[in-house]
Amino acid sequence: MRDVDAASTLDEAEIGRIFREESGRTVASLIRVFGDIDVAEDAVQDAFAVALRTWLGDGLPPNPGGWITTTARNRAIDRLRRESRERETAQ
């Protein structure tokens, strides 16, 4: 039982390291793409929440930074589409 807990902690520590290394870079990249700081920051936070759930079960992907960037970009696109639909239906 202790080995399982140690493995989970190690994975969480690795995810924390990846967050520190990749979050700023990914936010900056998404700001350049979408031109909106809030959208970029929220998308990166969402991507890391998904990563925490996914990676603890499946393990780290071969390119964690790329995975985060792709997931965050998709989250930002989904948010912008949802907001656009909401504006269209409100009119």
PDB file of N, CA and C in Angstrom:
ATOM      1  N   MET A   1       0.825  -1.190   0.000  1.00  0.00           N
ATOM      2  CA  MET A   1       0.000   0.000   0.000  1.00  0.00           C
ATOM      3  C   MET A   1       0.869   1.253   0.000  1.00  0.00           C
ATOM      4  N   ARG A   2       1.967   1.224   0.694  1.00  0.00           N
ATOM      5  CA  ARG A   2       2.836   2.382   0.785  1.00  0.00           C
ATOM      6  C   ARG A   2       3.457   2.716  -0.577  1.00  0.00           C
ATOM      7  N   ASP A   3       3.808   1.704  -1.399  1.00  0.00           N
ATOM      8  CA  ASP A   3       4.384   1.937  -2.722  1.00  0.00           C
ATOM      9  C   ASP A   3       3.399   2.649  -3.641  1.00  0.00           C
ATOM     10  N   VAL A   4       2.119   2.300  -3.543  1.00  0.00           N
ATOM     11  CA  VAL A   4       1.096   2.953  -4.354  1.00  0.00           C
ATOM     12  C   VAL A   4       1.012   4.425  -3.990  1.00  0.00           C
ATOM     13  N   ASP A   5       1.014   4.738  -2.700  1.00  0.00           N
ATOM     14  CA  ASP A   5       0.961   6.129  -2.260  1.00  0.00           C
ATOM     15  C   ASP A   5       2.201   6.896  -2.716  1.00  0.00           C
ATOM     16  N   ALA A   6       3.360   6.272  -2.657  1.00  0.00           N
ATOM     17  CA  ALA A   6       4.597   6.921  -3.090  1.00  0.00           C
ATOM     18  C   ALA A   6       4.564   7.192  -4.583  1.00  0.00           C
ATOM     19  N   ALA A   7       4.036   6.247  -5.376  1.00  0.00           N
ATOM     20  CA  ALA A   7       3.944   6.440  -6.820  1.00  0.00           C
ATOM     21  C   ALA A   7       3.003   7.586  -7.143  1.00  0.00           C
ATOM     22  N   SER A   8       1.874   7.677  -6.442  1.00  0.00           N
ATOM     23  CA  SER A   8       0.928   8.763  -6.681  1.00  0.00           C
ATOM     24  C   SER A   8       1.559  10.108  -6.344  1.00  0.00           C
ATOM     25  N   THR A   9       2.291  10.162  -5.235  1.00  0.00           N
ATOM     26  CA  THR A   9       2.943  11.401  -4.839  1.00  0.00           C
ATOM     27  C   THR A   9       4.002  11.795  -5.859  1.00  0.00           C
ATOM     28  N   LEU A  10       4.749  10.830  -6.333  1.00  0.00           N
ATOM     29  CA  LEU A  10       5.781  11.103  -7.328  1.00  0.00           C
ATOM     30  C   LEU A  10       5.137  11.653  -8.593  1.00  0.00           C
ATOM     31  N   ASP A  11       4.057  11.073  -9.035  1.00  0.00           N
ATOM     32  CA  ASP A  11       3.367  11.561 -10.225  1.00  0.00           C
ATOM     33  C   ASP A  11       2.863  12.983 -10.013  1.00  0.00           C
ATOM     34  N   GLU A  12       2.312  13.262  -8.838  1.00  0.00           N
ATOM     35  CA  GLU A  12       1.828  14.605  -8.544  1.00  0.00           C
ATOM     36  C   GLU A  12       2.985  15.600  -8.515  1.00  0.00           C
ATOM     37  N   ALA A  13       4.120  15.185  -7.989  1.00  0.00           N
ATOM     38  CA  ALA A  13       5.294  16.052  -7.965  1.00  0.00           C
ATOM     39  C   ALA A  13       5.767  16.337  -9.388  1.00  0.00           C
ATOM     40  N   GLU A  14       5.749  15.330 -10.225  1.00  0.00           N
ATOM     41  CA  GLU A  14       6.152  15.500 -11.621  1.00  0.00           C
ATOM     42  C   GLU A  14       5.186  16.440 -12.341  1.00  0.00           C
ATOM     43  N   ILE A  15       3.905  16.294 -12.085  1.00  0.00           N
ATOM     44  CA  ILE A  15       2.914  17.187 -12.692  1.00  0.00           C
ATOM     45  C   ILE A  15       3.138  18.621 -12.211  1.00  0.00           C
ATOM     46  N   GLY A  16       3.459  18.785 -10.936  1.00  0.00           N
ATOM     47  CA  GLY A  16       3.771  20.117 -10.414  1.00  0.00           C
ATOM     48  C   GLY A  16       4.974  20.731 -11.107  1.00  0.00           C
ATOM     49  N   ARG A  17       5.987  19.924 -11.342  1.00  0.00           N
ATOM     50  CA  ARG A  17       7.186  20.394 -12.051  1.00  0.00           C
ATOM     51  C   ARG A  17       6.821  20.816 -13.473  1.00  0.00           C
ATOM     52  N   ILE A  18       6.038  19.998 -14.128  1.00  0.00           N
ATOM     53  CA  ILE A  18       5.615  20.316 -15.497  1.00  0.00           C
ATOM     54  C   ILE A  18       4.793  21.600 -15.515  1.00  0.00           C
ATOM     55  N   PHE A  19       3.916  21.760 -14.517  1.00  0.00           N
ATOM     56  CA  PHE A  19       3.122  22.995 -14.438  1.00  0.00           C
ATOM     57  C   PHE A  19       4.033  24.212 -14.341  1.00  0.00           C
ATOM     58  N   ARG A  20       5.009  24.150 -13.465  1.00  0.00           N
ATOM     59  CA  ARG A  20       5.918  25.290 -13.295  1.00  0.00           C
ATOM     60  C   ARG A  20       6.691  25.585 -14.580  1.00  0.00           C
ATOM     61  N   GLU A  21       7.091  24.537 -15.289  1.00  0.00           N
ATOM     62  CA  GLU A  21       7.884  24.726 -16.498  1.00  0.00           C
ATOM     63  C   GLU A  21       7.048  25.150 -17.702  1.00  0.00           C
ATOM     64  N   GLU A  22       5.831  24.644 -17.815  1.00  0.00           N
ATOM     65  CA  GLU A  22       5.065  24.812 -19.044  1.00  0.00           C
ATOM     66  C   GLU A  22       3.946  25.848 -18.979  1.00  0.00           C
ATOM     67  N   SER A  23       3.453  26.177 -17.791  1.00  0.00           N
ATOM     68  CA  SER A  23       2.258  27.026 -17.732  1.00  0.00           C
ATOM     69  C   SER A  23       2.501  28.405 -18.331  1.00  0.00           C
ATOM     70  N   GLY A  24       3.588  29.048 -17.976  1.00  0.00           N
ATOM     71  CA  GLY A  24       3.868  30.384 -18.504  1.00  0.00           C
ATOM     72  C   GLY A  24       4.041  30.379 -20.010  1.00  0.00           C
ATOM     73  N   ARG A  25       4.757  29.393 -20.497  1.00  0.00           N
ATOM     74  CA  ARG A  25       4.994  29.268 -21.937  1.00  0.00           C
ATOM     75  C   ARG A  25       3.686  29.040 -22.682  1.00  0.00           C
ATOM     76  N   THR A  26       2.837  28.187 -22.119  1.00  0.00           N
ATOM     77  CA  THR A  26       1.572  27.876 -22.769  1.00  0.00           C
ATOM     78  C   THR A  26       0.627  29.067 -22.725  1.00  0.00           C
ATOM     79  N   VAL A  27       0.565  29.758 -21.590  1.00  0.00           N
ATOM     80  CA  VAL A  27      -0.279  30.958 -21.495  1.00  0.00           C
ATOM     81  C   VAL A  27       0.176  31.984 -22.528  1.00  0.00           C
ATOM     82  N   ALA A  28       1.471  32.219 -22.636  1.00  0.00           N
ATOM     83  CA  ALA A  28       1.987  33.198 -23.600  1.00  0.00           C
ATOM     84  C   ALA A  28       1.626  32.800 -25.028  1.00  0.00           C
ATOM     85  N   SER A  29       1.748  31.528 -25.326  1.00  0.00           N
ATOM     86  CA  SER A  29       1.410  31.039 -26.661  1.00  0.00           C
ATOM     87  C   SER A  29      -0.066  31.267 -26.977  1.00  0.00           C
ATOM     88  N   LEU A  30      -0.921  30.978 -26.014  1.00  0.00           N
ATOM     89  CA  LEU A  30      -2.361  31.136 -26.240  1.00  0.00           C
ATOM     90  C   LEU A  30      -2.763  32.612 -26.303  1.00  0.00           C
ATOM     91  N   ILE A  31      -2.076  33.466 -25.572  1.00  0.00           N
ATOM     92  CA  ILE A  31      -2.351  34.902 -25.669  1.00  0.00           C
ATOM     93  C   ILE A  31      -2.049  35.381 -27.086  1.00  0.00           C
ATOM     94  N   ARG A  32      -0.944  34.901 -27.652  1.00  0.00           N
ATOM     95  CA  ARG A  32      -0.612  35.276 -29.028  1.00  0.00           C
ATOM     96  C   ARG A  32      -1.681  34.791 -30.005  1.00  0.00           C
ATOM     97  N   VAL A  33      -2.205  33.601 -29.787  1.00  0.00           N
ATOM     98  CA  VAL A  33      -3.200  33.028 -30.699  1.00  0.00           C
ATOM     99  C   VAL A  33      -4.557  33.699 -30.547  1.00  0.00           C
ATOM    100  N   PHE A  34      -5.024  33.857 -29.299  1.00  0.00           N
ATOM    101  CA  PHE A  34      -6.392  34.322 -29.057  1.00  0.00           C
ATOM    102  C   PHE A  34      -6.490  35.795 -28.672  1.00  0.00           C
ATOM    103  N   GLY A  35      -5.387  36.400 -28.261  1.00  0.00           N
ATOM    104  CA  GLY A  35      -5.406  37.809 -27.904  1.00  0.00           C
ATOM    105  C   GLY A  35      -6.168  38.126 -26.626  1.00  0.00           C
ATOM    106  N   ASP A  36      -6.341  37.136 -25.756  1.00  0.00           N
ATOM    107  CA  ASP A  36      -7.129  37.346 -24.535  1.00  0.00           C
ATOM    108  C   ASP A  36      -6.440  36.623 -23.374  1.00  0.00           C
ATOM    109  N   ILE A  37      -5.985  37.398 -22.400  1.00  0.00           N
ATOM    110  CA  ILE A  37      -5.261  36.829 -21.264  1.00  0.00           C
ATOM    111  C   ILE A  37      -6.155  35.908 -20.441  1.00  0.00           C
ATOM    112  N   ASP A  38      -7.385  36.351 -20.176  1.00  0.00           N
ATOM    113  CA  ASP A  38      -8.288  35.535 -19.356  1.00  0.00           C
ATOM    114  C   ASP A  38      -8.588  34.191 -20.005  1.00  0.00           C
ATOM    115  N   VAL A  39      -8.855  34.194 -21.294  1.00  0.00           N
ATOM    116  CA  VAL A  39      -9.124  32.946 -22.012  1.00  0.00           C
ATOM    117  C   VAL A  39      -7.910  32.031 -21.927  1.00  0.00           C
ATOM    118  N   ALA A  40      -6.731  32.588 -22.134  1.00  0.00           N
ATOM    119  CA  ALA A  40      -5.503  31.784 -22.100  1.00  0.00           C
ATOM    120  C   ALA A  40      -5.260  31.191 -20.715  1.00  0.00           C
ATOM    121  N   GLU A  41      -5.361  32.009 -19.681  1.00  0.00           N
ATOM    122  CA  GLU A  41      -5.101  31.513 -18.326  1.00  0.00           C
ATOM    123  C   GLU A  41      -6.125  30.462 -17.903  1.00  0.00           C
ATOM    124  N   ASP A  42      -7.396  30.714 -18.194  1.00  0.00           N
ATOM    125  CA  ASP A  42      -8.433  29.737 -17.833  1.00  0.00           C
ATOM    126  C   ASP A  42      -8.246  28.428 -18.576  1.00  0.00           C
ATOM    127  N   ALA A  43      -7.879  28.513 -19.848  1.00  0.00           N
ATOM    128  CA  ALA A  43      -7.684  27.298 -20.640  1.00  0.00           C
ATOM    129  C   ALA A  43      -6.516  26.465 -20.107  1.00  0.00           C
ATOM    130  N   VAL A  44      -5.448  27.140 -19.709  1.00  0.00           N
ATOM    131  CA  VAL A  44      -4.290  26.409 -19.168  1.00  0.00           C
ATOM    132  C   VAL A  44      -4.649  25.759 -17.834  1.00  0.00           C
ATOM    133  N   GLN A  45      -5.369  26.468 -16.990  1.00  0.00           N
ATOM    134  CA  GLN A  45      -5.801  25.870 -15.718  1.00  0.00           C
ATOM    135  C   GLN A  45      -6.687  24.649 -15.971  1.00  0.00           C
ATOM    136  N   ASP A  46      -7.622  24.767 -16.911  1.00  0.00           N
ATOM    137  CA  ASP A  46      -8.480  23.627 -17.258  1.00  0.00           C
ATOM    138  C   ASP A  46      -7.652  22.458 -17.773  1.00  0.00           C
ATOM    139  N   ALA A  47      -6.678  22.755 -18.619  1.00  0.00           N
ATOM    140  CA  ALA A  47      -5.837  21.698 -19.182  1.00  0.00           C
ATOM    141  C   ALA A  47      -5.064  20.960 -18.092  1.00  0.00           C
ATOM    142  N   PHE A  48      -4.558  21.689 -17.108  1.00  0.00           N
ATOM    143  CA  PHE A  48      -3.834  21.029 -16.030  1.00  0.00           C
ATOM    144  C   PHE A  48      -4.775  20.237 -15.127  1.00  0.00           C
ATOM    145  N   ALA A  49      -6.008  20.681 -14.961  1.00  0.00           N
ATOM    146  CA  ALA A  49      -6.978  19.894 -14.190  1.00  0.00           C
ATOM    147  C   ALA A  49      -7.266  18.579 -14.906  1.00  0.00           C
ATOM    148  N   VAL A  50      -7.412  18.643 -16.219  1.00  0.00           N
ATOM    149  CA  VAL A  50      -7.627  17.421 -17.005  1.00  0.00           C
ATOM    150  C   VAL A  50      -6.385  16.535 -16.929  1.00  0.00           C
ATOM    151  N   ALA A  51      -5.210  17.151 -17.022  1.00  0.00           N
ATOM    152  CA  ALA A  51      -3.956  16.390 -16.956  1.00  0.00           C
ATOM    153  C   ALA A  51      -3.838  15.643 -15.637  1.00  0.00           C
ATOM    154  N   LEU A  52      -4.174  16.299 -14.553  1.00  0.00           N
ATOM    155  CA  LEU A  52      -4.067  15.657 -13.246  1.00  0.00           C
ATOM    156  C   LEU A  52      -4.927  14.398 -13.199  1.00  0.00           C
ATOM    157  N   ARG A  53      -6.165  14.516 -13.688  1.00  0.00           N
ATOM    158  CA  ARG A  53      -7.057  13.342 -13.696  1.00  0.00           C
ATOM    159  C   ARG A  53      -6.553  12.264 -14.649  1.00  0.00           C
ATOM    160  N   THR A  54      -6.109  12.674 -15.813  1.00  0.00           N
ATOM    161  CA  THR A  54      -5.729  11.720 -16.854  1.00  0.00           C
ATOM    162  C   THR A  54      -4.379  11.074 -16.577  1.00  0.00           C
ATOM    163  N   TRP A  55      -3.383  11.884 -16.259  1.00  0.00           N
ATOM    164  CA  TRP A  55      -2.028  11.379 -16.128  1.00  0.00           C
ATOM    165  C   TRP A  55      -1.833  10.499 -14.907  1.00  0.00           C
ATOM    166  N   LEU A  56      -2.578  10.743 -13.841  1.00  0.00           N
ATOM    167  CA  LEU A  56      -2.418   9.888 -12.664  1.00  0.00           C
ATOM    168  C   LEU A  56      -2.845   8.459 -12.975  1.00  0.00           C
ATOM    169  N   GLY A  57      -3.794   8.306 -13.880  1.00  0.00           N
ATOM    170  CA  GLY A  57      -4.231   6.965 -14.268  1.00  0.00           C
ATOM    171  C   GLY A  57      -3.449   6.386 -15.427  1.00  0.00           C
ATOM    172  N   ASP A  58      -3.175   7.211 -16.436  1.00  0.00           N
ATOM    173  CA  ASP A  58      -2.561   6.729 -17.679  1.00  0.00           C
ATOM    174  C   ASP A  58      -1.052   6.912 -17.735  1.00  0.00           C
ATOM    175  N   GLY A  59      -0.506   7.711 -16.835  1.00  0.00           N
ATOM    176  CA  GLY A  59       0.917   8.027 -16.886  1.00  0.00           C
ATOM    177  C   GLY A  59       1.155   9.250 -17.749  1.00  0.00           C
ATOM    178  N   LEU A  60       2.383   9.750 -17.702  1.00  0.00           N
ATOM    179  CA  LEU A  60       2.731  10.947 -18.464  1.00  0.00           C
ATOM    180  C   LEU A  60       2.787  10.636 -19.955  1.00  0.00           C
ATOM    181  N   PRO A  61       2.319  11.566 -20.779  1.00  0.00           N
ATOM    182  CA  PRO A  61       2.459  11.375 -22.228  1.00  0.00           C
ATOM    183  C   PRO A  61       3.909  11.610 -22.637  1.00  0.00           C
ATOM    184  N   PRO A  62       4.286  11.217 -23.850  1.00  0.00           N
ATOM    185  CA  PRO A  62       5.672  11.416 -24.292  1.00  0.00           C
ATOM    186  C   PRO A  62       6.100  12.885 -24.301  1.00  0.00           C
ATOM    187  N   ASN A  63       5.166  13.799 -24.595  1.00  0.00           N
ATOM    188  CA  ASN A  63       5.479  15.226 -24.638  1.00  0.00           C
ATOM    189  C   ASN A  63       4.443  15.976 -23.795  1.00  0.00           C
ATOM    190  N   PRO A  64       4.649  16.051 -22.477  1.00  0.00           N
ATOM    191  CA  PRO A  64       3.654  16.680 -21.610  1.00  0.00           C
ATOM    192  C   PRO A  64       3.362  18.140 -21.960  1.00  0.00           C
ATOM    193  N   GLY A  65       4.372  18.900 -22.338  1.00  0.00           N
ATOM    194  CA  GLY A  65       4.163  20.300 -22.695  1.00  0.00           C
ATOM    195  C   GLY A  65       3.278  20.440 -23.925  1.00  0.00           C
ATOM    196  N   GLY A  66       3.506  19.604 -24.907  1.00  0.00           N
ATOM    197  CA  GLY A  66       2.674  19.614 -26.101  1.00  0.00           C
ATOM    198  C   GLY A  66       1.248  19.197 -25.793  1.00  0.00           C
ATOM    199  N   TRP A  67       1.111  18.210 -24.904  1.00  0.00           N
ATOM    200  CA  TRP A  67      -0.225  17.746 -24.500  1.00  0.00           C
ATOM    201  C   TRP A  67      -0.984  18.877 -23.826  1.00  0.00           C
ATOM    202  N   ILE A  68      -0.315  19.585 -22.919  1.00  0.00           N
ATOM    203  CA  ILE A  68      -0.949  20.708 -22.218  1.00  0.00           C
ATOM    204  C   ILE A  68      -1.331  21.796 -23.199  1.00  0.00           C
ATOM    205  N   THR A  69      -0.428  22.156 -24.104  1.00  0.00           N
ATOM    206  CA  THR A  69      -0.711  23.215 -25.061  1.00  0.00           C
ATOM    207  C   THR A  69      -1.891  22.855 -25.955  1.00  0.00           C
ATOM    208  N   THR A  70      -1.912  21.637 -26.455  1.00  0.00           N
ATOM    209  CA  THR A  70      -3.013  21.192 -27.317  1.00  0.00           C
ATOM    210  C   THR A  70      -4.333  21.176 -26.565  1.00  0.00           C
ATOM    211  N   THR A  71      -4.323  20.637 -25.362  1.00  0.00           N
ATOM    212  CA  THR A  71      -5.547  20.572 -24.564  1.00  0.00           C
ATOM    213  C   THR A  71      -6.037  21.971 -24.206  1.00  0.00           C
ATOM    214  N   ALA A  72      -5.124  22.852 -23.829  1.00  0.00           N
ATOM    215  CA  ALA A  72      -5.500  24.229 -23.477  1.00  0.00           C
ATOM    216  C   ALA A  72      -6.057  24.959 -24.696  1.00  0.00           C
ATOM    217  N   ARG A  73      -5.420  24.788 -25.845  1.00  0.00           N
ATOM    218  CA  ARG A  73      -5.915  25.423 -27.068  1.00  0.00           C
ATOM    219  C   ARG A  73      -7.328  24.934 -27.392  1.00  0.00           C
ATOM    220  N   ASN A  74      -7.557  23.638 -27.277  1.00  0.00           N
ATOM    221  CA  ASN A  74      -8.896  23.094 -27.534  1.00  0.00           C
ATOM    222  C   ASN A  74      -9.917  23.618 -26.530  1.00  0.00           C
ATOM    223  N   ARG A  75      -9.524  23.747 -25.277  1.00  0.00           N
ATOM    224  CA  ARG A  75     -10.422  24.306 -24.249  1.00  0.00           C
ATOM    225  C   ARG A  75     -10.762  25.760 -24.564  1.00  0.00           C
ATOM    226  N   ALA A  76      -9.776  26.527 -25.006  1.00  0.00           N
ATOM    227  CA  ALA A  76     -10.015  27.930 -25.345  1.00  0.00           C
ATOM    228  C   ALA A  76     -10.958  28.043 -26.541  1.00  0.00           C
ATOM    229  N   ILE A  77     -10.746  27.214 -27.547  1.00  0.00           N
ATOM    230  CA  ILE A  77     -11.634  27.217 -28.712  1.00  0.00           C
ATOM    231  C   ILE A  77     -13.054  26.866 -28.296  1.00  0.00           C
ATOM    232  N   ASP A  78     -13.192  25.843 -27.476  1.00  0.00           N
ATOM    233  CA  ASP A  78     -14.528  25.455 -27.001  1.00  0.00           C
ATOM    234  C   ASP A  78     -15.201  26.600 -26.257  1.00  0.00           C
ATOM    235  N   ARG A  79     -14.448  27.279 -25.400  1.00  0.00           N
ATOM    236  CA  ARG A  79     -15.019  28.396 -24.633  1.00  0.00           C
ATOM    237  C   ARG A  79     -15.473  29.515 -25.554  1.00  0.00           C
ATOM    238  N   LEU A  80     -14.622  29.884 -26.516  1.00  0.00           N
ATOM    239  CA  LEU A  80     -14.972  30.974 -27.418  1.00  0.00           C
ATOM    240  C   LEU A  80     -16.178  30.621 -28.286  1.00  0.00           C
ATOM    241  N   ARG A  81     -16.258  29.387 -28.729  1.00  0.00           N
ATOM    242  CA  ARG A  81     -17.432  28.956 -29.498  1.00  0.00           C
ATOM    243  C   ARG A  81     -18.693  28.999 -28.644  1.00  0.00           C
ATOM    244  N   ARG A  82     -18.593  28.527 -27.422  1.00  0.00           N
ATOM    245  CA  ARG A  82     -19.742  28.536 -26.513  1.00  0.00           C
ATOM    246  C   ARG A  82     -20.216  29.966 -26.254  1.00  0.00           C
ATOM    247  N   GLU A  83     -19.270  30.868 -25.995  1.00  0.00           N
ATOM    248  CA  GLU A  83     -19.629  32.267 -25.755  1.00  0.00           C
ATOM    249  C   GLU A  83     -20.250  32.900 -26.994  1.00  0.00           C
ATOM    250  N   SER A  84     -19.758  32.550 -28.171  1.00  0.00           N
ATOM    251  CA  SER A  84     -20.311  33.077 -29.413  1.00  0.00           C
ATOM    252  C   SER A  84     -21.747  32.604 -29.610  1.00  0.00           C
ATOM    253  N   ARG A  85     -21.988  31.312 -29.350  1.00  0.00           N
ATOM    254  CA  ARG A  85     -23.356  30.780 -29.454  1.00  0.00           C
ATOM    255  C   ARG A  85     -24.290  31.453 -28.463  1.00  0.00           C
ATOM    256  N   GLU A  86     -23.809  31.678 -27.253  1.00  0.00           N
ATOM    257  CA  GLU A  86     -24.634  32.344 -26.241  1.00  0.00           C
ATOM    258  C   GLU A  86     -24.999  33.760 -26.668  1.00  0.00           C
ATOM    259  N   ARG A  87     -24.038  34.479 -27.258  1.00  0.00           N
ATOM    260  CA  ARG A  87     -24.327  35.837 -27.730  1.00  0.00           C
ATOM    261  C   ARG A  87     -25.342  35.815 -28.874  1.00  0.00           C
ATOM    262  N   GLU A  88     -25.201  34.844 -29.781  1.00  0.00           N
ATOM    263  CA  GLU A  88     -26.120  34.746 -30.916  1.00  0.00           C
ATOM    264  C   GLU A  88     -27.536  34.424 -30.460  1.00  0.00           C
ATOM    265  N   THR A  89     -27.668  33.542 -29.489  1.00  0.00           N
ATOM    266  CA  THR A  89     -29.014  33.179 -29.018  1.00  0.00           C
ATOM    267  C   THR A  89     -29.629  34.258 -28.150  1.00  0.00           C
ATOM    268  N   ALA A  90     -28.812  35.115 -27.552  1.00  0.00           N
ATOM    269  CA  ALA A  90     -29.326  36.191 -26.712  1.00  0.00           C
ATOM    270  C   ALA A  90     -29.893  37.338 -27.543  1.00  0.00           C
ATOM    271  N   GLN A  91     -29.534  37.411 -28.810  1.00  0.00           N
ATOM    272  CA  GLN A  91     -30.001  38.525 -29.641  1.00  0.00           C
ATOM    273  C   GLN A  91     -31.352  38.289 -30.175  1.00  0.00           C
TER     274      GLN A  91
END
